[in-house]
Structures are given as C-alpha cells and as structure tokens.
Protein backbone atom coordinates (compact mmCIF):
# COMPACT_ATOMS: atom_id res chain seq x y z
CA MET A 1 203.45 103.11 120.59
CA HIS A 2 205.80 101.48 118.74
CA PRO A 3 206.95 103.10 115.36
CA SER A 4 205.39 100.16 113.59
CA THR A 5 202.03 100.81 115.36
CA LEU A 6 201.79 104.25 114.67
CA PRO A 7 198.29 105.53 113.19
CA SER A 8 198.90 107.03 109.44
CA THR A 9 198.69 110.48 109.03
CA GLU A 10 195.96 110.16 106.92
CA GLN A 11 194.01 108.35 109.76
CA VAL A 12 194.86 111.64 111.97
CA TRP A 13 193.60 113.78 109.33
CA ARG A 14 190.49 111.77 109.90
CA TRP A 15 190.39 112.20 113.38
CA LEU A 16 190.67 116.05 113.15
CA SER A 17 187.96 116.23 111.01
CA GLU A 18 185.82 114.83 113.87
CA VAL A 19 186.79 118.14 116.27
CA PRO A 20 184.14 121.24 115.46
CA ASP A 21 184.97 124.55 116.08
CA PRO A 22 184.01 125.57 119.51
CA GLU A 23 182.76 128.82 118.50
CA ILE A 24 180.95 127.38 115.30
CA PRO A 25 180.58 123.60 116.42
CA VAL A 26 178.38 122.53 112.74
CA ILE A 27 182.07 123.23 111.38
CA SER A 28 185.02 120.96 111.67
CA LEU A 29 188.69 122.22 112.46
CA THR A 30 189.97 120.81 109.42
CA ASP A 31 186.65 122.12 107.29
CA LEU A 32 187.68 125.66 108.84
CA GLY A 33 191.21 125.00 107.28
CA ILE A 34 193.25 125.89 110.38
CA ILE A 35 194.93 122.57 110.71
CA ARG A 36 198.24 123.14 108.59
CA ASP A 37 200.28 119.93 108.94
CA VAL A 38 200.18 116.38 110.49
CA ALA A 39 203.08 114.67 110.96
CA TRP A 40 204.92 112.37 112.69
CA ASP A 41 208.85 113.15 114.50
CA GLY A 42 210.11 109.76 115.63
CA ASP A 43 207.19 108.75 117.61
CA THR A 44 205.99 112.14 118.46
CA LEU A 45 202.73 113.03 116.34
CA VAL A 46 202.84 116.95 115.42
CA VAL A 47 200.02 119.00 114.70
CA THR A 48 200.27 122.52 113.40
CA VAL A 49 197.97 124.89 113.65
CA THR A 50 197.17 128.43 112.38
CA PRO A 51 194.53 130.40 114.55
CA THR A 52 191.82 132.53 112.48
CA TYR A 53 193.40 135.77 113.81
CA SER A 54 196.28 135.61 116.33
CA GLY A 55 193.76 137.22 119.22
CA CYS A 56 191.29 134.49 118.79
CA PRO A 57 189.66 133.31 121.98
CA ALA A 58 188.98 130.34 120.86
CA THR A 59 193.11 129.10 120.39
CA THR A 60 193.10 127.65 123.88
CA VAL A 61 189.87 125.61 123.42
CA ILE A 62 191.06 124.32 120.12
CA ASN A 63 194.34 123.30 121.49
CA LEU A 64 192.47 121.39 123.87
CA ASP A 65 190.00 119.67 121.89
CA ILE A 66 192.72 118.37 119.37
CA GLU A 67 194.57 116.86 122.29
CA ARG A 68 192.04 115.63 124.00
CA LYS A 69 190.85 113.93 120.72
CA LEU A 70 193.98 112.68 119.70
CA ARG A 71 194.55 111.25 123.21
CA ASP A 72 191.11 109.71 122.92
CA GLU A 73 192.36 107.97 120.18
CA GLY A 74 195.43 106.67 121.76
CA ILE A 75 198.00 109.25 120.86
CA GLU A 76 200.05 109.06 123.79
CA LYS A 77 203.04 111.60 122.53
CA LEU A 78 201.88 114.54 121.06
CA ARG A 79 203.03 118.09 120.05
CA LEU A 80 200.80 120.94 119.10
CA GLU A 81 202.87 123.86 116.97
CA ARG A 82 201.17 127.37 116.24
CA GLN A 83 202.34 128.48 113.00
CA LEU A 84 201.45 132.10 111.98
CA SER A 85 203.06 132.43 108.68
CA PRO A 86 201.51 132.81 106.20
CA PRO A 87 198.26 133.90 108.33
CA TRP A 88 195.22 132.05 108.13
CA THR A 89 192.68 133.20 105.28
CA THR A 90 188.80 132.49 104.92
CA ASP A 91 190.09 131.45 101.79
CA TRP A 92 191.37 127.87 103.49
CA ILE A 93 187.38 127.20 104.41
CA SER A 94 186.73 123.92 102.69
CA ALA A 95 183.71 123.79 100.03
CA GLU A 96 182.24 121.55 102.42
CA GLY A 97 182.41 123.67 105.39
CA ARG A 98 181.17 126.95 103.26
CA GLU A 99 178.38 124.43 102.63
CA LYS A 100 178.11 123.57 106.08
CA LEU A 101 178.11 127.48 107.49
CA ARG A 102 175.09 128.43 104.86
CA ASP A 103 173.37 125.22 106.53
CA TYR A 104 173.60 126.35 109.41
CA GLY A 105 172.51 129.72 108.90
CA ILE A 106 175.71 131.68 108.55
CA ALA A 107 176.76 133.42 104.85
CA PRO A 108 180.16 132.01 104.18
CA PRO A 109 182.84 134.46 103.31
CA VAL A 110 182.60 135.57 99.48
CA ASP A 111 185.10 133.50 97.30
CA GLY A 112 187.95 135.61 96.18
CA THR A 113 187.53 138.53 98.96
CA ALA A 114 190.11 137.84 101.35
CA ALA A 115 193.32 137.31 99.57
CA ASP A 116 193.49 141.02 98.68
CA GLY A 117 192.83 141.82 102.25
CA ARG A 118 191.00 145.26 100.94
CA LEU A 119 187.50 143.95 102.42
CA MET A 120 187.14 147.45 104.14
CA ALA A 121 187.79 149.18 100.62
CA ARG A 122 184.92 147.73 99.26
CA VAL A 123 183.14 149.66 102.00
CA ASP A 124 181.35 152.96 100.69
CA ARG A 125 182.90 155.06 103.46
CA LEU A 126 180.00 157.50 103.49
CA SER A 127 176.82 155.02 103.52
CA GLY A 128 178.91 152.24 105.11
CA SER A 129 177.15 150.07 102.29
CA SER A 130 178.93 147.24 100.87
CA ASN A 131 179.32 146.60 96.97
CA LEU A 132 179.81 142.55 98.28
CA MET A 133 176.72 140.49 97.33
CA ILE A 134 176.10 138.85 100.34
CA ALA A 135 173.74 136.28 99.93
CA CYS A 136 171.19 135.26 102.78
CA PRO A 137 171.50 131.83 103.73
CA HIS A 138 168.13 131.35 104.90
CA CYS A 139 166.18 132.21 101.32
CA GLY A 140 169.29 132.99 98.86
CA SER A 141 168.52 136.74 98.44
CA ASN A 142 171.24 138.89 97.76
CA ASN A 143 168.87 141.65 98.71
CA THR A 144 170.60 141.46 102.18
CA GLU A 145 172.04 145.09 104.29
CA ARG A 146 174.52 144.68 106.79
CA VAL A 147 173.45 145.93 110.83
CA SER A 148 176.50 145.78 112.37
CA GLN A 149 180.69 144.98 111.57
CA PHE A 150 180.53 143.13 114.72
CA GLY A 151 178.32 139.68 115.23
CA SER A 152 177.88 136.72 117.47
CA THR A 153 182.21 136.56 117.42
CA PRO A 154 184.81 138.40 116.17
CA CYS A 155 185.05 136.62 112.93
CA LYS A 156 181.14 137.48 111.94
CA ALA A 157 179.49 140.31 111.01
CA SER A 158 175.53 140.96 111.26
CA TYR A 159 173.59 140.96 108.58
CA ARG A 160 169.82 141.06 107.62
CA CYS A 161 167.80 139.81 104.68
CA LYS A 162 165.03 142.61 103.17
CA ASP A 163 163.21 139.71 101.32
CA CYS A 164 163.10 136.70 104.13
CA LEU A 165 163.44 139.51 106.90
CA GLU A 166 165.68 136.97 108.91
CA PRO A 167 169.00 138.18 110.61
CA PHE A 168 171.83 136.05 109.60
CA ASP A 169 175.90 136.41 110.51
CA TYR A 170 178.34 136.89 107.67
CA PHE A 171 181.50 134.95 108.13
CA LYS A 172 184.28 137.95 107.73
CA CYS A 173 186.72 137.80 104.85
CA ILE A 174 189.94 137.44 107.01
C-alpha cells in the first residue's frame, strides 16, 4: 500500500472491534481491552496486544484472528507486538463489553476490584465465602454463591444464583 492510501488508525480500530474473543465470542478484542495501540510505522501497521494473562491459551488464536481480519481488509504489511507491562486488568473491559457479557449470561467483573490485586483477600479463608456482591446476570439478584473458583475458562469462576437457581460464570477480576 502506498502511504497516501493507508487506512486511518480509526478505521483499523473499527475493523478490530469486529474480531471476537475466541473464548467468549460475544465480546470483541477491543471491548476486552487487550488491543493497546494501533499505529503506522511507515507502511507497516503495528498492532500492540496485551494478553489477559501471560499464560492465556487463547493468545495464539487471538493473534491469528487479528492477522486474518486485517489481511482480509487489505493490510499487506503487519507487525503484532506483545506488551506485558502494564499487565492487562479487567478494569480495561469497556462498559459495552460488560453489558455484552451480562447479556450473554456471564457476570462481568465487579467495578474497581481489579486495580488493587487483592480479590483473594476479600474471601473468608475459613468459609470460602466472598463479601463481593456478584449479581446474577439472569435475574439481577445479589443472592449468589461461588460454586468453584474455576469456571469454563481460566479467567472465570462458577457461581449459582440462590433465587433463580441458574448457574453462571463470573469473569474473575485480574
């Protein structure tokens, strides 16, 4: 591509907003907040990605999906860069992304609980109960309980609503 015909970074962000997360396809990579930067280095598009955590098994698929989408849009020269610092946090999930998670049946992370990195400190070590109010994404009740710290993917925990009796995943705060 000639520099005068390069798409704007705003256009690239729009394209990337169409790339779903492979583990939770209802949310885009931009809603998830893992796309850190989009910039042109001459005629090479540089996309900076921060994985949700360094051992995330979806990282390779995410990079392939980004590359596929941008190649389909006509990008010829592309460089994906991995940025680990600062580490990704659930606070980076957009408001729209949180709504999409809720509508899909996954309780989004509780606002403001990721920044201090002390979620486990809020769990009573004897009972295993948490003083966090995790609202059921199905009925909205706060009368919920954690069934397991491990959910369908490493970034989720299994919960159950005591009112509507529906099970659901909670997107863990990281």
